[in-house]
């Protein structure tokens, strides 16, 4: 978990350093490194999840190639964009109970749009 947080901070730092305009767009987003396991035997995959408000989603997604390049150079396989507003309004989501800190951070992302 700590390694994922460090990777997310490093990803954000690299984007801010090499692509300052794209880095400014990430200021209103929540960047998270997500680890998943797939296959038999299970292989570990790490990718970047960028949670944005609906208004910022298209602006950030326009720079998908740059963000993927940075992620691949860091050894991460992909960059995915997630709509924070949609996740918060989903009545079937158990995010508030299972990950309350992430839920609060998404509230902040959705409110700052």
N, C-alpha and C. Protein backbone atom coordinates (compact mmCIF):
# COMPACT_ATOMS: atom_id res chain seq x y z
N UNK A 1 0.84 -1.20 0.00
CA UNK A 1 0.00 0.00 0.00
C UNK A 1 0.87 1.25 0.00
N UNK A 2 1.92 1.26 0.81
CA UNK A 2 2.79 2.43 0.86
C UNK A 2 3.52 2.59 -0.47
N UNK A 3 3.94 1.48 -1.06
CA UNK A 3 4.63 1.55 -2.34
C UNK A 3 3.72 2.14 -3.41
N UNK A 4 2.44 1.82 -3.37
CA UNK A 4 1.50 2.37 -4.34
C UNK A 4 1.36 3.88 -4.17
N UNK A 5 1.32 4.34 -2.92
CA UNK A 5 1.24 5.78 -2.67
C UNK A 5 2.49 6.50 -3.16
N UNK A 6 3.64 5.89 -2.92
CA UNK A 6 4.90 6.49 -3.37
C UNK A 6 4.95 6.54 -4.89
N UNK A 7 4.51 5.48 -5.55
CA UNK A 7 4.47 5.46 -7.02
C UNK A 7 3.54 6.53 -7.56
N UNK A 8 2.39 6.71 -6.92
CA UNK A 8 1.44 7.74 -7.37
C UNK A 8 2.04 9.13 -7.21
N UNK A 9 2.72 9.38 -6.10
CA UNK A 9 3.37 10.68 -5.90
C UNK A 9 4.48 10.90 -6.91
N UNK A 10 5.24 9.87 -7.19
CA UNK A 10 6.33 9.98 -8.16
C UNK A 10 5.78 10.22 -9.57
N UNK A 11 4.69 9.53 -9.93
CA UNK A 11 4.05 9.75 -11.22
C UNK A 11 3.62 11.21 -11.35
N UNK A 12 2.98 11.74 -10.32
CA UNK A 12 2.53 13.13 -10.34
C UNK A 12 3.71 14.08 -10.42
N UNK A 13 4.77 13.79 -9.69
CA UNK A 13 5.95 14.65 -9.71
C UNK A 13 6.60 14.67 -11.09
N UNK A 14 6.72 13.52 -11.73
CA UNK A 14 7.32 13.45 -13.05
C UNK A 14 6.47 14.21 -14.07
N UNK A 15 5.17 14.05 -14.01
CA UNK A 15 4.29 14.77 -14.93
C UNK A 15 4.42 16.27 -14.72
N UNK A 16 4.44 16.72 -13.47
CA UNK A 16 4.60 18.15 -13.18
C UNK A 16 5.94 18.68 -13.69
N UNK A 17 6.98 17.87 -13.58
CA UNK A 17 8.32 18.32 -13.96
C UNK A 17 8.49 18.40 -15.48
N UNK A 18 8.08 17.36 -16.19
CA UNK A 18 8.32 17.30 -17.63
C UNK A 18 7.19 17.87 -18.48
N UNK A 19 5.96 17.83 -17.97
CA UNK A 19 4.80 18.35 -18.71
C UNK A 19 4.00 19.25 -17.77
N UNK A 20 4.44 20.49 -17.54
CA UNK A 20 3.80 21.35 -16.54
C UNK A 20 2.33 21.65 -16.83
N UNK A 21 1.95 21.78 -18.09
CA UNK A 21 0.53 22.06 -18.40
C UNK A 21 -0.36 20.88 -18.04
N UNK A 22 0.12 19.68 -18.33
CA UNK A 22 -0.63 18.48 -17.96
C UNK A 22 -0.64 18.33 -16.43
N UNK A 23 0.46 18.67 -15.81
CA UNK A 23 0.54 18.61 -14.35
C UNK A 23 -0.45 19.54 -13.68
N UNK A 24 -0.69 20.70 -14.27
CA UNK A 24 -1.70 21.62 -13.72
C UNK A 24 -3.09 21.00 -13.78
N UNK A 25 -3.37 20.24 -14.83
CA UNK A 25 -4.67 19.56 -14.93
C UNK A 25 -4.83 18.50 -13.84
N UNK A 26 -3.72 17.86 -13.48
CA UNK A 26 -3.79 16.82 -12.45
C UNK A 26 -3.97 17.37 -11.04
N UNK A 27 -3.80 18.69 -10.86
CA UNK A 27 -3.97 19.27 -9.53
C UNK A 27 -5.37 19.06 -8.99
N UNK A 28 -6.37 19.07 -9.83
CA UNK A 28 -7.74 18.88 -9.37
C UNK A 28 -8.21 17.44 -9.42
N UNK A 29 -7.29 16.51 -9.62
CA UNK A 29 -7.63 15.10 -9.73
C UNK A 29 -6.96 14.30 -8.62
N UNK A 30 -7.45 13.10 -8.41
CA UNK A 30 -6.84 12.18 -7.44
C UNK A 30 -6.14 11.09 -8.24
N UNK A 31 -4.83 10.97 -8.06
CA UNK A 31 -4.03 9.98 -8.78
C UNK A 31 -3.73 8.83 -7.83
N UNK A 32 -3.98 7.61 -8.31
CA UNK A 32 -3.80 6.42 -7.48
C UNK A 32 -3.21 5.30 -8.33
N UNK A 33 -2.27 4.58 -7.77
CA UNK A 33 -1.74 3.39 -8.43
C UNK A 33 -2.54 2.20 -7.93
N UNK A 34 -3.08 1.45 -8.86
CA UNK A 34 -3.95 0.33 -8.54
C UNK A 34 -3.24 -0.97 -8.91
N UNK A 35 -3.24 -1.91 -8.00
CA UNK A 35 -2.62 -3.21 -8.23
C UNK A 35 -3.71 -4.25 -8.39
N UNK A 36 -3.60 -5.05 -9.44
CA UNK A 36 -4.56 -6.14 -9.64
C UNK A 36 -3.79 -7.41 -10.01
N UNK A 37 -4.44 -8.53 -9.79
CA UNK A 37 -3.85 -9.83 -10.08
C UNK A 37 -4.74 -10.54 -11.08
N UNK A 38 -4.11 -11.21 -12.07
CA UNK A 38 -4.88 -11.87 -13.10
C UNK A 38 -4.14 -13.11 -13.58
N UNK A 39 -4.89 -14.15 -13.91
CA UNK A 39 -4.33 -15.36 -14.49
C UNK A 39 -3.97 -16.41 -13.47
N UNK A 40 -3.52 -17.55 -14.01
CA UNK A 40 -3.05 -18.66 -13.19
C UNK A 40 -1.69 -19.05 -13.66
N UNK A 41 -0.69 -18.99 -12.96
CA UNK A 41 -0.56 -18.39 -11.65
C UNK A 41 -0.78 -16.88 -11.72
N UNK A 42 -1.23 -16.34 -10.64
CA UNK A 42 -1.61 -14.93 -10.60
C UNK A 42 -0.40 -14.04 -10.87
N UNK A 43 -0.57 -13.14 -11.83
CA UNK A 43 0.46 -12.16 -12.14
C UNK A 43 -0.01 -10.80 -11.65
N UNK A 44 0.92 -10.03 -11.14
CA UNK A 44 0.60 -8.72 -10.59
C UNK A 44 0.74 -7.66 -11.68
N UNK A 45 -0.30 -6.82 -11.82
CA UNK A 45 -0.29 -5.71 -12.75
C UNK A 45 -0.57 -4.43 -11.97
N UNK A 46 0.18 -3.39 -12.29
CA UNK A 46 -0.04 -2.09 -11.65
C UNK A 46 -0.34 -1.07 -12.74
N UNK A 47 -1.36 -0.27 -12.50
CA UNK A 47 -1.70 0.78 -13.44
C UNK A 47 -2.13 2.02 -12.68
N UNK A 48 -2.18 3.15 -13.38
CA UNK A 48 -2.52 4.43 -12.78
C UNK A 48 -4.00 4.69 -12.98
N UNK A 49 -4.69 5.01 -11.90
CA UNK A 49 -6.08 5.44 -11.97
C UNK A 49 -6.15 6.93 -11.66
N UNK A 50 -6.74 7.69 -12.57
CA UNK A 50 -6.89 9.12 -12.37
C UNK A 50 -8.37 9.41 -12.20
N UNK A 51 -8.75 9.83 -11.00
CA UNK A 51 -10.13 10.15 -10.69
C UNK A 51 -10.33 11.65 -10.92
N UNK A 52 -11.24 12.00 -11.82
CA UNK A 52 -11.49 13.41 -12.16
C UNK A 52 -12.99 13.69 -12.08
N UNK A 53 -13.31 14.96 -11.97
CA UNK A 53 -14.71 15.36 -12.07
C UNK A 53 -15.14 15.25 -13.53
N UNK A 54 -16.42 15.25 -13.78
CA UNK A 54 -16.94 15.11 -15.14
C UNK A 54 -16.45 16.24 -16.05
N UNK A 55 -16.31 17.44 -15.50
CA UNK A 55 -15.89 18.58 -16.30
C UNK A 55 -14.43 18.48 -16.74
N UNK A 56 -13.58 17.93 -15.88
CA UNK A 56 -12.15 17.83 -16.18
C UNK A 56 -11.80 16.58 -16.96
N UNK A 57 -12.70 15.63 -17.02
CA UNK A 57 -12.40 14.34 -17.63
C UNK A 57 -11.91 14.47 -19.06
N UNK A 58 -12.58 15.25 -19.87
CA UNK A 58 -12.19 15.37 -21.28
C UNK A 58 -10.87 16.12 -21.42
N UNK A 59 -10.61 17.10 -20.55
CA UNK A 59 -9.35 17.85 -20.61
C UNK A 59 -8.16 16.96 -20.29
N UNK A 60 -8.31 16.13 -19.28
CA UNK A 60 -7.22 15.24 -18.87
C UNK A 60 -7.07 14.10 -19.87
N UNK A 61 -8.17 13.56 -20.35
CA UNK A 61 -8.11 12.45 -21.30
C UNK A 61 -7.49 12.86 -22.63
N UNK A 62 -7.51 14.14 -22.95
CA UNK A 62 -6.88 14.62 -24.19
C UNK A 62 -5.37 14.42 -24.16
N UNK A 63 -4.79 14.29 -22.99
CA UNK A 63 -3.35 14.09 -22.84
C UNK A 63 -3.03 12.64 -22.48
N UNK A 64 -3.86 11.72 -22.92
CA UNK A 64 -3.71 10.30 -22.59
C UNK A 64 -2.36 9.75 -23.04
N UNK A 65 -1.89 10.14 -24.22
CA UNK A 65 -0.63 9.60 -24.74
C UNK A 65 0.55 10.00 -23.85
N UNK A 66 0.57 11.24 -23.39
CA UNK A 66 1.65 11.72 -22.53
C UNK A 66 1.62 10.97 -21.20
N UNK A 67 0.44 10.82 -20.62
CA UNK A 67 0.31 10.15 -19.33
C UNK A 67 0.69 8.67 -19.44
N UNK A 68 0.31 8.03 -20.54
CA UNK A 68 0.68 6.63 -20.73
C UNK A 68 2.18 6.47 -20.91
N UNK A 69 2.80 7.40 -21.61
CA UNK A 69 4.25 7.35 -21.79
C UNK A 69 4.97 7.42 -20.45
N UNK A 70 4.55 8.32 -19.59
CA UNK A 70 5.16 8.44 -18.27
C UNK A 70 4.93 7.17 -17.47
N UNK A 71 3.71 6.64 -17.52
CA UNK A 71 3.40 5.42 -16.77
C UNK A 71 4.24 4.24 -17.26
N UNK A 72 4.37 4.09 -18.56
CA UNK A 72 5.15 2.98 -19.09
C UNK A 72 6.62 3.11 -18.72
N UNK A 73 7.14 4.34 -18.70
CA UNK A 73 8.53 4.54 -18.30
C UNK A 73 8.76 4.22 -16.83
N UNK A 74 7.71 4.26 -16.03
CA UNK A 74 7.81 3.92 -14.61
C UNK A 74 7.53 2.44 -14.35
N UNK A 75 7.21 1.67 -15.40
CA UNK A 75 6.94 0.25 -15.25
C UNK A 75 5.49 -0.08 -14.98
N UNK A 76 4.60 0.88 -15.16
CA UNK A 76 3.17 0.66 -14.99
C UNK A 76 2.57 0.37 -16.36
N UNK A 77 1.51 -0.42 -16.40
CA UNK A 77 1.05 -0.90 -17.70
C UNK A 77 0.03 -0.01 -18.40
N UNK A 78 -0.68 0.84 -17.69
CA UNK A 78 -1.79 1.57 -18.30
C UNK A 78 -2.17 2.78 -17.47
N UNK A 79 -2.94 3.67 -18.08
CA UNK A 79 -3.56 4.79 -17.37
C UNK A 79 -5.04 4.73 -17.67
N UNK A 80 -5.85 4.73 -16.61
CA UNK A 80 -7.30 4.74 -16.78
C UNK A 80 -7.88 5.99 -16.12
N UNK A 81 -8.95 6.49 -16.71
CA UNK A 81 -9.60 7.69 -16.21
C UNK A 81 -10.96 7.29 -15.65
N UNK A 82 -11.23 7.73 -14.42
CA UNK A 82 -12.46 7.36 -13.74
C UNK A 82 -13.22 8.63 -13.34
N UNK A 83 -14.51 8.62 -13.58
CA UNK A 83 -15.35 9.76 -13.28
C UNK A 83 -15.72 9.72 -11.80
N UNK A 84 -15.20 10.66 -11.02
CA UNK A 84 -15.45 10.68 -9.57
C UNK A 84 -16.91 10.95 -9.27
N UNK A 85 -17.55 11.82 -10.06
CA UNK A 85 -18.96 12.12 -9.82
C UNK A 85 -19.83 10.88 -9.97
N UNK A 86 -19.55 10.09 -10.98
CA UNK A 86 -20.34 8.88 -11.23
C UNK A 86 -20.13 7.85 -10.12
N UNK A 87 -18.89 7.71 -9.65
CA UNK A 87 -18.62 6.76 -8.57
C UNK A 87 -19.33 7.15 -7.28
N UNK A 88 -19.38 8.45 -7.00
CA UNK A 88 -20.01 8.91 -5.76
C UNK A 88 -21.53 8.77 -5.81
N UNK A 89 -22.10 8.87 -6.99
CA UNK A 89 -23.56 8.80 -7.10
C UNK A 89 -24.10 7.41 -7.34
N UNK A 90 -23.22 6.43 -7.50
CA UNK A 90 -23.64 5.06 -7.74
C UNK A 90 -24.26 4.49 -6.47
N UNK A 91 -25.56 4.14 -6.50
CA UNK A 91 -26.22 3.64 -5.28
C UNK A 91 -25.72 2.26 -4.84
N UNK A 92 -25.14 1.49 -5.74
CA UNK A 92 -24.66 0.15 -5.40
C UNK A 92 -23.20 0.14 -4.94
N UNK A 93 -22.56 1.29 -4.96
CA UNK A 93 -21.15 1.36 -4.58
C UNK A 93 -21.00 1.18 -3.08
N UNK A 94 -20.06 0.35 -2.70
CA UNK A 94 -19.74 0.16 -1.29
C UNK A 94 -18.48 0.91 -0.91
N UNK A 95 -18.12 1.88 -1.73
CA UNK A 95 -16.88 2.62 -1.54
C UNK A 95 -16.85 3.37 -0.21
N UNK A 96 -17.97 3.92 0.18
CA UNK A 96 -18.02 4.70 1.43
C UNK A 96 -17.71 3.82 2.64
N UNK A 97 -18.18 2.58 2.63
CA UNK A 97 -17.95 1.69 3.75
C UNK A 97 -16.59 1.01 3.67
N UNK A 98 -16.16 0.62 2.46
CA UNK A 98 -14.93 -0.15 2.34
C UNK A 98 -13.68 0.72 2.30
N UNK A 99 -13.75 1.89 1.70
CA UNK A 99 -12.58 2.78 1.59
C UNK A 99 -13.00 4.21 1.90
N UNK A 100 -13.27 4.55 3.16
CA UNK A 100 -13.79 5.88 3.49
C UNK A 100 -12.85 7.03 3.15
N UNK A 101 -11.55 6.80 3.24
CA UNK A 101 -10.61 7.89 2.92
C UNK A 101 -10.66 8.22 1.43
N UNK A 102 -10.68 7.21 0.57
CA UNK A 102 -10.80 7.43 -0.87
C UNK A 102 -12.12 8.11 -1.18
N UNK A 103 -13.18 7.70 -0.51
CA UNK A 103 -14.50 8.31 -0.73
C UNK A 103 -14.47 9.80 -0.40
N UNK A 104 -13.82 10.17 0.70
CA UNK A 104 -13.71 11.59 1.07
C UNK A 104 -12.86 12.37 0.06
N UNK A 105 -11.77 11.76 -0.42
CA UNK A 105 -10.94 12.44 -1.40
C UNK A 105 -11.70 12.62 -2.72
N UNK A 106 -12.53 11.67 -3.09
CA UNK A 106 -13.35 11.82 -4.29
C UNK A 106 -14.41 12.89 -4.11
N UNK A 107 -14.92 13.04 -2.90
CA UNK A 107 -15.84 14.14 -2.61
C UNK A 107 -15.18 15.47 -2.89
N UNK A 108 -13.93 15.60 -2.46
CA UNK A 108 -13.18 16.83 -2.69
C UNK A 108 -12.94 17.07 -4.18
N UNK A 109 -12.58 16.03 -4.91
CA UNK A 109 -12.35 16.14 -6.36
C UNK A 109 -13.63 16.57 -7.06
N UNK A 110 -14.75 15.97 -6.70
CA UNK A 110 -16.03 16.29 -7.35
C UNK A 110 -16.49 17.69 -6.99
N UNK A 111 -16.19 18.16 -5.78
CA UNK A 111 -16.64 19.49 -5.36
C UNK A 111 -15.80 20.60 -5.95
N UNK A 112 -14.55 20.33 -6.28
CA UNK A 112 -13.64 21.37 -6.79
C UNK A 112 -13.73 21.53 -8.29
N UNK A 113 -14.76 21.03 -8.91
CA UNK A 113 -14.85 21.17 -10.37
C UNK A 113 -15.32 22.51 -10.81
